[in-house]
Amino acid sequence: MAGTRSRNFEGWPLFANSFRPFFLFAAIQAALSILAWLPMFYGELSVTSAFAPRDWHVHEMLYGFLPAVITGFLFTAIPNWTGRLPIRGTSLGALLVVWFAGRVAVTLSAEIGWVFALLVDAGFLALVVAAATREIIAGGNWRNLPVVALVLVLLAGNVGFHLEAHFEGAADTGIRVGIGVVVLLIALIGGRIIPSFTRNWLVKFNPGHLPVPFGRFDGAVIGCSALALISWIVTPLNAVTGVAMGLVGVLHLVRLARWAGDRTTRERLLLILHVGYVFVPLGFLLHALAGFGVLPPSAGIHAWMTGAAGIMTLAVMTRASLGHTGQALTASPATQGIYLAIIVAALARVAAMVLPAYGDVLLHIAACGWVVAFLGFAIAFGPLLAGSRRRALAIMGLPLPAR
């Protein structure tokens, strides 16, 4: 019902649903931030931010790009959860402006002051939490409040990031808090949508063994993940944390094996969800090795952020953009190119930390793959999100509808 009513929106289609502007501008911001970060990393570019260059880069990925994607997903899903009308039009536009203001405030925080930048930047997630809580409570959909609770923790991590960066000079704990929340969100949401989408497709196109739906085992894995991540946030380079990370990594591998991903190779739009989730256990296992001093911690961090977060966000963004605009749920050649680029980026970014002798080359490959993937999404899906269906289908190489 909510989807039908949203189609009656008479304004610019870009503001008919939350996923449209937030997916589009999150993709653009993700690409531009990495284009800026690489010369910053090599000392060829600087920004007028109160953050150190590394903290600016991490913040804009962790507390800039990802919250936009989360918002696009959350405010698209909530009407389906509650049966209420989606946030759209002027309200959605205002929320997008607040997000934009946060990006500008963080980048210019050395000029405008770190306190003002904190208030503007944190204001976005505060509005998201308030609006999502209102909608879920009004719709009586209590079972999805844990998702909002994790977004609230993400807000707290963002505030802590600003405070820690100012008073300590680096935001190490704030970074780990944000990453921990993102990993749990992927484990929670991915654990619901991946087996569900897989089951729906297999029943129609490849009957046989079906994935195990979300159950007690999944809840136990998420609970163990939360404990291991808390240990990592408090004591990242510790043998106890290393053991916990290793055990949880194995549990996630078992969980993934229960979802019949090997039977989805015919549909890349579905397969990419399973591929993206592989980087969740990989991140835990790499952190286990880091806990014993075998690898640097950044190997596991980039498995989670470039791999799990990067791939899963594009997987969800492409699927939701197609499904909620009435397109066929299949991966076009352009979409498959986007997937290939982000997988290359993820593998190269992790390899750059594991193989430091080839670090510079791998870092450039990772950056190029990331930029191609997210700018590719903006180019291929931007017209569709803005309401130009025919232009979008032409870019993707899909058949045009009859006039």
Protein backbone atom coordinates (compact mmCIF):
# COMPACT_ATOMS: atom_id res chain seq x y z
CA MET A 1 0.00 0.00 0.00
CA ALA A 2 2.78 2.42 0.93
CA GLY A 3 4.52 1.70 -2.38
CA THR A 4 1.32 2.40 -4.32
CA ARG A 5 0.70 5.68 -2.55
CA SER A 6 4.29 6.78 -3.10
CA ARG A 7 3.79 6.36 -6.86
CA ASN A 8 1.04 9.02 -6.70
CA PHE A 9 3.62 11.64 -5.74
CA GLU A 10 3.27 14.61 -8.12
CA GLY A 11 6.60 16.36 -7.52
CA TRP A 12 10.02 15.69 -9.01
CA PRO A 13 10.50 11.88 -8.98
CA LEU A 14 13.93 12.31 -7.35
CA PHE A 15 12.13 13.22 -4.10
CA ALA A 16 9.36 10.62 -4.32
CA ASN A 17 11.30 8.09 -2.22
CA SER A 18 14.27 8.34 0.12
CA PHE A 19 16.42 5.90 -1.82
CA ARG A 20 16.44 8.11 -4.91
CA PRO A 21 18.40 11.18 -3.72
CA PHE A 22 20.39 9.46 -0.99
CA PHE A 23 21.62 6.57 -3.14
CA LEU A 24 22.53 8.94 -5.98
CA PHE A 25 24.37 11.56 -3.94
CA ALA A 26 25.97 8.98 -1.63
CA ALA A 27 27.50 7.33 -4.71
CA ILE A 28 28.79 10.66 -6.02
CA GLN A 29 30.20 11.60 -2.63
CA ALA A 30 31.87 8.19 -2.23
CA ALA A 31 33.65 8.56 -5.57
CA LEU A 32 34.66 12.20 -5.10
CA SER A 33 35.97 11.55 -1.58
CA ILE A 34 38.32 8.86 -2.82
CA LEU A 35 39.41 11.03 -5.75
CA ALA A 36 40.39 13.64 -3.16
CA TRP A 37 41.86 11.16 -0.67
CA LEU A 38 44.52 9.62 -2.90
CA PRO A 39 46.39 12.92 -3.51
CA MET A 40 45.84 13.80 0.16
CA PHE A 41 47.47 10.49 1.13
CA TYR A 42 50.54 11.38 -0.94
CA GLY A 43 50.67 14.96 0.37
CA GLU A 44 49.63 16.56 -2.91
CA LEU A 45 46.33 18.01 -1.67
CA SER A 46 44.94 19.39 1.59
CA VAL A 47 41.53 20.47 2.83
CA THR A 48 40.61 23.10 5.44
CA SER A 49 39.35 20.51 7.92
CA ALA A 50 40.05 20.42 11.65
CA PHE A 51 40.54 16.67 11.17
CA ALA A 52 43.90 15.17 10.28
CA PRO A 53 43.90 13.91 6.65
CA ARG A 54 43.37 10.27 7.67
CA ASP A 55 40.51 11.18 9.99
CA TRP A 56 38.84 13.31 7.30
CA HIS A 57 39.01 10.37 4.88
CA VAL A 58 37.65 7.85 7.40
CA HIS A 59 34.96 10.21 8.65
CA GLU A 60 33.60 11.01 5.19
CA MET A 61 33.38 7.30 4.37
CA LEU A 62 32.13 6.09 7.75
CA TYR A 63 29.97 8.99 8.93
CA GLY A 64 29.25 10.70 5.60
CA PHE A 65 28.77 8.20 2.79
CA LEU A 66 27.41 5.23 4.75
CA PRO A 67 24.77 7.16 6.77
CA ALA A 68 23.36 8.47 3.47
CA VAL A 69 23.01 4.91 2.14
CA ILE A 70 21.57 3.72 5.46
CA THR A 71 19.03 6.57 5.38
CA GLY A 72 18.01 5.77 1.82
CA PHE A 73 17.50 2.13 2.75
CA LEU A 74 15.86 2.76 6.12
CA PHE A 75 13.26 5.29 4.99
CA THR A 76 12.42 3.11 1.99
CA ALA A 77 11.99 0.01 4.16
CA ILE A 78 10.03 1.65 7.00
CA PRO A 79 6.84 2.23 4.95
CA ASN A 80 6.88 -1.49 4.09
CA TRP A 81 7.36 -2.32 7.77
CA THR A 82 4.65 0.03 9.05
CA GLY A 83 2.22 0.66 6.18
CA ARG A 84 2.69 4.41 6.62
CA LEU A 85 3.49 6.91 3.86
CA PRO A 86 7.19 7.44 3.09
CA ILE A 87 9.09 10.63 3.88
CA ARG A 88 9.24 12.54 0.58
CA GLY A 89 8.98 15.92 -1.07
CA THR A 90 10.03 18.94 0.97
CA SER A 91 10.80 16.93 4.11
CA LEU A 92 13.08 14.61 2.17
CA GLY A 93 14.74 17.56 0.44
CA ALA A 94 15.38 19.25 3.78
CA LEU A 95 16.96 16.08 5.15
CA LEU A 96 19.24 15.89 2.11
CA VAL A 97 20.28 19.52 2.61
CA VAL A 98 21.26 18.76 6.23
CA TRP A 99 23.40 15.85 5.00
CA PHE A 100 25.07 18.11 2.41
CA ALA A 101 25.67 20.75 5.09
CA GLY A 102 27.44 18.16 7.22
CA ARG A 103 29.84 17.31 4.39
CA VAL A 104 30.67 21.00 3.86
CA ALA A 105 30.98 21.68 7.60
CA VAL A 106 33.42 18.81 8.17
CA THR A 107 35.58 19.79 5.21
CA LEU A 108 35.67 23.47 6.26
CA SER A 109 35.77 22.85 10.03
CA ALA A 110 39.17 24.52 10.42
CA GLU A 111 37.53 27.73 9.20
CA ILE A 112 34.10 27.55 10.83
CA GLY A 113 35.13 25.85 14.09
CA TRP A 114 34.99 22.22 15.18
CA VAL A 115 32.00 22.70 17.54
CA PHE A 116 29.81 24.17 14.81
CA ALA A 117 30.93 21.42 12.42
CA LEU A 118 30.03 18.81 15.04
CA LEU A 119 26.53 20.23 15.55
CA VAL A 120 25.79 20.43 11.82
CA ASP A 121 27.26 17.03 11.04
CA ALA A 122 25.63 15.19 13.96
CA GLY A 123 22.31 16.91 13.25
CA PHE A 124 21.71 14.68 10.24
CA LEU A 125 21.84 11.35 12.07
CA ALA A 126 19.90 12.87 14.97
CA LEU A 127 17.06 13.75 12.57
CA VAL A 128 17.23 10.28 11.00
CA VAL A 129 16.98 8.56 14.39
CA ALA A 130 14.12 10.80 15.51
CA ALA A 131 12.11 10.34 12.30
CA ALA A 132 12.71 6.58 12.10
CA THR A 133 11.75 6.09 15.76
CA ARG A 134 8.56 8.12 15.27
CA GLU A 135 7.54 6.10 12.23
CA ILE A 136 8.27 2.70 13.75
CA ILE A 137 6.46 3.50 17.01
CA ALA A 138 3.49 5.02 15.16
CA GLY A 139 3.29 1.88 13.01
CA GLY A 140 3.66 -0.46 16.01
CA ASN A 141 6.61 -2.19 14.31
CA TRP A 142 8.65 -2.84 17.44
CA ARG A 143 10.70 -5.72 16.01
CA ASN A 144 12.69 -3.32 13.81
CA LEU A 145 13.66 -0.92 16.59
CA PRO A 146 17.08 -2.65 16.98
CA VAL A 147 18.04 -1.26 13.57
CA VAL A 148 17.27 2.27 14.79
CA ALA A 149 19.16 1.54 18.02
CA LEU A 150 22.26 0.74 15.97
CA VAL A 151 21.85 4.00 14.04
CA LEU A 152 21.66 5.77 17.42
CA VAL A 153 24.97 4.16 18.39
CA LEU A 154 26.36 5.35 15.04
CA LEU A 155 25.28 8.87 15.98
CA ALA A 156 27.04 8.52 19.33
CA GLY A 157 30.15 7.27 17.52
CA ASN A 158 30.08 10.31 15.24
CA VAL A 159 29.86 12.71 18.17
CA GLY A 160 32.67 10.80 19.88
CA PHE A 161 34.73 10.97 16.70
CA HIS A 162 34.59 14.79 16.67
CA LEU A 163 35.40 15.03 20.38
CA GLU A 164 38.22 12.51 20.23
CA ALA A 165 39.77 14.08 17.14
CA HIS A 166 39.77 17.50 18.82
CA PHE A 167 40.98 16.55 22.29
CA GLU A 168 43.20 13.56 21.46
CA GLY A 169 44.39 14.47 17.96
CA ALA A 170 43.11 11.23 16.40
CA ALA A 171 39.75 9.47 16.48
CA ASP A 172 40.79 5.82 16.87
CA THR A 173 37.97 4.74 19.19
CA GLY A 174 35.37 6.70 17.25
CA ILE A 175 36.49 4.91 14.10
CA ARG A 176 36.16 1.47 15.69
CA VAL A 177 32.71 2.29 17.12
CA GLY A 178 31.44 3.34 13.69
CA ILE A 179 32.93 0.30 11.96
CA GLY A 180 31.46 -2.00 14.61
CA VAL A 181 27.99 -0.57 14.02
CA VAL A 182 28.32 -0.94 10.25
CA VAL A 183 29.40 -4.58 10.57
CA LEU A 184 26.45 -5.34 12.86
CA LEU A 185 24.02 -3.60 10.49
CA ILE A 186 25.32 -5.69 7.60
CA ALA A 187 25.06 -8.85 9.71
CA LEU A 188 21.53 -7.99 10.86
CA ILE A 189 20.02 -6.66 7.63
CA GLY A 190 22.03 -8.90 5.33
CA GLY A 191 21.01 -11.91 7.40
CA ARG A 192 17.38 -11.12 6.67
CA ILE A 193 17.42 -10.00 3.05
CA ILE A 194 20.03 -12.37 1.57
CA PRO A 195 18.30 -15.67 2.43
CA SER A 196 14.89 -14.12 1.72
CA PHE A 197 15.83 -12.80 -1.74
CA THR A 198 17.70 -16.03 -2.49
CA ARG A 199 14.73 -18.19 -1.54
CA ASN A 200 12.33 -16.13 -3.67
CA TRP A 201 14.55 -16.42 -6.73
CA LEU A 202 15.39 -20.11 -6.30
CA VAL A 203 11.73 -21.08 -5.93
CA LYS A 204 11.03 -19.49 -9.33
CA PHE A 205 14.16 -20.20 -11.36
CA ASN A 206 16.26 -22.94 -9.73
CA PRO A 207 14.14 -25.25 -7.54
CA GLY A 208 15.98 -27.44 -5.07
CA HIS A 209 17.96 -26.75 -1.91
CA LEU A 210 16.78 -23.51 -0.28
CA PRO A 211 18.53 -21.19 2.19
CA VAL A 212 17.83 -21.46 5.90
CA PRO A 213 15.73 -18.46 7.01
CA PHE A 214 16.76 -16.12 9.83
CA GLY A 215 16.49 -17.96 13.14
CA ARG A 216 18.07 -18.54 16.54
CA PHE A 217 21.45 -19.45 15.10
CA ASP A 218 21.58 -16.11 13.27
CA GLY A 219 20.60 -14.26 16.42
CA ALA A 220 23.36 -16.06 18.34
CA VAL A 221 25.95 -15.19 15.67
CA ILE A 222 24.96 -11.52 15.78
CA GLY A 223 25.13 -11.55 19.58
CA CYS A 224 28.61 -13.12 19.51
CA SER A 225 29.63 -10.62 16.85
CA ALA A 226 28.56 -7.74 19.08
CA LEU A 227 30.62 -9.10 21.99
CA ALA A 228 33.69 -9.63 19.80
CA LEU A 229 33.36 -6.14 18.33
CA ILE A 230 33.03 -4.56 21.78
CA SER A 231 36.22 -6.35 22.78
CA TRP A 232 37.88 -5.04 19.61
CA ILE A 233 36.72 -1.48 20.27
CA VAL A 234 38.16 -1.58 23.80
CA THR A 235 41.32 -3.64 23.19
CA PRO A 236 41.92 -4.08 19.45
CA LEU A 237 45.38 -5.69 19.59
CA ASN A 238 44.83 -8.37 22.17
CA ALA A 239 45.07 -12.20 22.10
CA VAL A 240 41.63 -12.61 23.71
CA THR A 241 40.14 -10.30 21.08
CA GLY A 242 42.00 -12.25 18.40
CA VAL A 243 40.50 -15.56 19.55
CA ALA A 244 37.01 -14.04 19.73
CA MET A 245 37.36 -12.57 16.25
CA GLY A 246 38.51 -15.91 14.84
CA LEU A 247 35.62 -17.84 16.36
CA VAL A 248 33.05 -15.31 15.17
CA GLY A 249 34.60 -15.35 11.69
CA VAL A 250 34.04 -19.11 11.51
CA LEU A 251 30.44 -18.68 12.69
CA HIS A 252 29.78 -16.19 9.91
CA LEU A 253 31.23 -18.61 7.36
CA VAL A 254 28.84 -21.29 8.61
CA ARG A 255 25.99 -18.78 8.44
CA LEU A 256 26.85 -17.82 4.87
CA ALA A 257 27.07 -21.48 3.82
CA ARG A 258 23.45 -21.97 4.95
CA TRP A 259 22.15 -19.43 2.38
CA ALA A 260 22.68 -21.50 -0.81
CA GLY A 261 24.74 -18.80 -2.49
CA ASP A 262 26.40 -21.37 -4.75
CA ARG A 263 23.04 -21.83 -6.49
CA THR A 264 22.67 -18.16 -7.49
CA THR A 265 25.45 -17.86 -10.11
CA ARG A 266 22.92 -17.36 -12.92
CA GLU A 267 21.70 -14.06 -11.44
CA ARG A 268 24.48 -11.59 -10.62
CA LEU A 269 22.04 -9.23 -8.88
CA LEU A 270 21.62 -11.94 -6.26
CA LEU A 271 25.10 -13.45 -6.30
CA ILE A 272 26.69 -10.10 -5.43
CA LEU A 273 24.90 -10.10 -2.06
CA HIS A 274 26.60 -13.38 -1.15
CA VAL A 275 29.96 -12.15 -2.45
CA GLY A 276 29.68 -8.98 -0.38
CA TYR A 277 28.87 -10.92 2.77
CA VAL A 278 32.03 -13.04 2.34
CA PHE A 279 34.00 -9.99 3.45
CA VAL A 280 32.26 -10.01 6.86
CA PRO A 281 33.88 -13.27 8.04
CA LEU A 282 37.06 -12.33 6.16
CA GLY A 283 37.28 -9.14 8.21
CA PHE A 284 36.85 -11.07 11.46
CA LEU A 285 39.50 -13.62 10.48
CA LEU A 286 41.99 -10.93 9.42
CA HIS A 287 41.43 -9.17 12.75
CA ALA A 288 42.08 -12.47 14.50
CA LEU A 289 45.50 -12.57 12.82
CA ALA A 290 46.06 -8.92 13.73
CA GLY A 291 45.33 -9.77 17.36
CA PHE A 292 48.38 -12.05 17.32
CA GLY A 293 50.55 -9.58 15.40
CA VAL A 294 50.53 -11.49 12.12
CA LEU A 295 48.88 -8.75 10.04
CA PRO A 296 48.20 -5.02 10.48
CA PRO A 297 44.70 -4.20 11.80
CA SER A 298 43.96 -2.19 8.65
CA ALA A 299 43.71 -5.41 6.61
CA GLY A 300 40.57 -6.44 8.47
CA ILE A 301 39.24 -2.88 8.55
CA HIS A 302 39.39 -2.62 4.76
CA ALA A 303 37.87 -6.07 4.33
CA TRP A 304 34.87 -4.75 6.25
CA MET A 305 34.73 -1.24 4.82
CA THR A 306 35.85 -1.54 1.18
CA GLY A 307 34.67 -5.14 0.90
CA ALA A 308 31.57 -5.79 2.99
CA ALA A 309 30.30 -2.20 3.19
CA GLY A 310 31.31 -1.19 -0.35
CA ILE A 311 29.96 -4.28 -2.09
CA MET A 312 26.83 -4.64 0.04
CA THR A 313 25.85 -1.00 -0.39
CA LEU A 314 26.13 -1.24 -4.17
CA ALA A 315 24.28 -4.56 -4.14
CA VAL A 316 21.41 -3.07 -2.15
CA MET A 317 21.44 0.24 -4.06
CA THR A 318 21.23 -1.41 -7.47
CA ARG A 319 18.57 -3.93 -6.42
CA ALA A 320 16.40 -1.39 -4.59
CA SER A 321 16.69 1.15 -7.41
CA LEU A 322 15.46 -1.44 -9.91
CA GLY A 323 12.79 -2.99 -7.73
CA HIS A 324 11.26 0.23 -6.42
CA THR A 325 11.10 1.80 -9.88
CA GLY A 326 9.34 -1.18 -11.42
CA GLN A 327 12.27 -2.58 -13.42
CA ALA A 328 13.13 -6.25 -13.89
CA LEU A 329 15.30 -7.63 -11.10
CA THR A 330 18.23 -8.69 -13.22
CA ALA A 331 21.77 -7.33 -13.56
CA SER A 332 22.40 -5.49 -16.84
CA PRO A 333 25.90 -5.43 -18.40
CA ALA A 334 26.46 -1.99 -16.84
CA THR A 335 25.41 -3.28 -13.42
CA GLN A 336 27.72 -6.27 -13.72
CA GLY A 337 30.56 -3.89 -14.62
CA ILE A 338 29.85 -1.93 -11.43
CA TYR A 339 30.01 -5.17 -9.43
CA LEU A 340 33.28 -6.21 -11.03
CA ALA A 341 34.85 -2.82 -10.28
CA ILE A 342 33.92 -2.86 -6.59
CA ILE A 343 35.11 -6.46 -6.14
CA VAL A 344 38.46 -5.53 -7.69
CA ALA A 345 38.64 -2.50 -5.39
CA ALA A 346 37.94 -4.60 -2.30
CA LEU A 347 40.46 -7.33 -3.14
CA ALA A 348 43.14 -4.81 -4.08
CA ARG A 349 42.62 -2.73 -0.92
CA VAL A 350 42.96 -5.74 1.37
CA ALA A 351 45.91 -7.05 -0.63
CA ALA A 352 47.65 -3.67 -0.30
CA MET A 353 47.82 -4.25 3.46
CA VAL A 354 48.78 -7.92 3.23
CA LEU A 355 51.43 -7.33 0.52
CA PRO A 356 53.06 -4.00 1.47
CA ALA A 357 55.77 -4.39 -1.21
CA TYR A 358 53.05 -3.82 -3.82
CA GLY A 359 51.11 -1.36 -1.68
CA ASP A 360 51.26 1.71 -3.95
CA VAL A 361 50.16 -0.13 -7.08
CA LEU A 362 47.38 -1.98 -5.25
CA LEU A 363 46.21 1.22 -3.57
CA HIS A 364 45.82 2.92 -6.96
CA ILE A 365 43.98 -0.12 -8.37
CA ALA A 366 41.64 -0.09 -5.36
CA ALA A 367 40.95 3.63 -5.69
CA CYS A 368 40.27 3.34 -9.43
CA GLY A 369 37.94 0.38 -8.88
CA TRP A 370 36.03 2.21 -6.16
CA VAL A 371 35.62 5.39 -8.23
CA VAL A 372 34.56 3.45 -11.34
CA ALA A 373 32.00 1.47 -9.31
CA PHE A 374 30.33 4.42 -7.60
CA LEU A 375 30.54 6.89 -10.47
CA GLY A 376 29.31 4.04 -12.65
CA PHE A 377 26.29 3.67 -10.39
CA ALA A 378 25.62 7.43 -10.55
CA ILE A 379 25.86 7.46 -14.35
CA ALA A 380 23.87 4.26 -14.97
CA PHE A 381 21.22 4.66 -12.28
CA GLY A 382 21.12 8.44 -11.88
CA PRO A 383 18.62 9.00 -14.73
CA LEU A 384 16.40 6.22 -13.34
CA LEU A 385 16.48 7.70 -9.85
CA ALA A 386 15.73 11.17 -11.22
CA GLY A 387 12.76 9.87 -13.21
CA SER A 388 14.19 9.35 -16.72
CA ARG A 389 13.49 5.65 -17.20
CA ARG A 390 14.20 5.45 -20.95
CA ARG A 391 17.58 7.17 -20.64
CA ALA A 392 18.57 4.89 -17.77
CA LEU A 393 17.63 1.72 -19.67
CA ALA A 394 19.58 2.93 -22.70
CA ILE A 395 22.70 3.51 -20.55
CA MET A 396 22.36 0.07 -18.95
CA GLY A 397 21.91 -1.62 -22.32
CA LEU A 398 18.42 -2.92 -21.52
CA PRO A 399 15.46 -3.06 -23.92
CA LEU A 400 13.44 0.17 -24.11
CA PRO A 401 9.71 0.01 -23.37
CA ALA A 402 7.31 0.59 -26.24
CA ARG A 403 6.04 4.17 -26.49
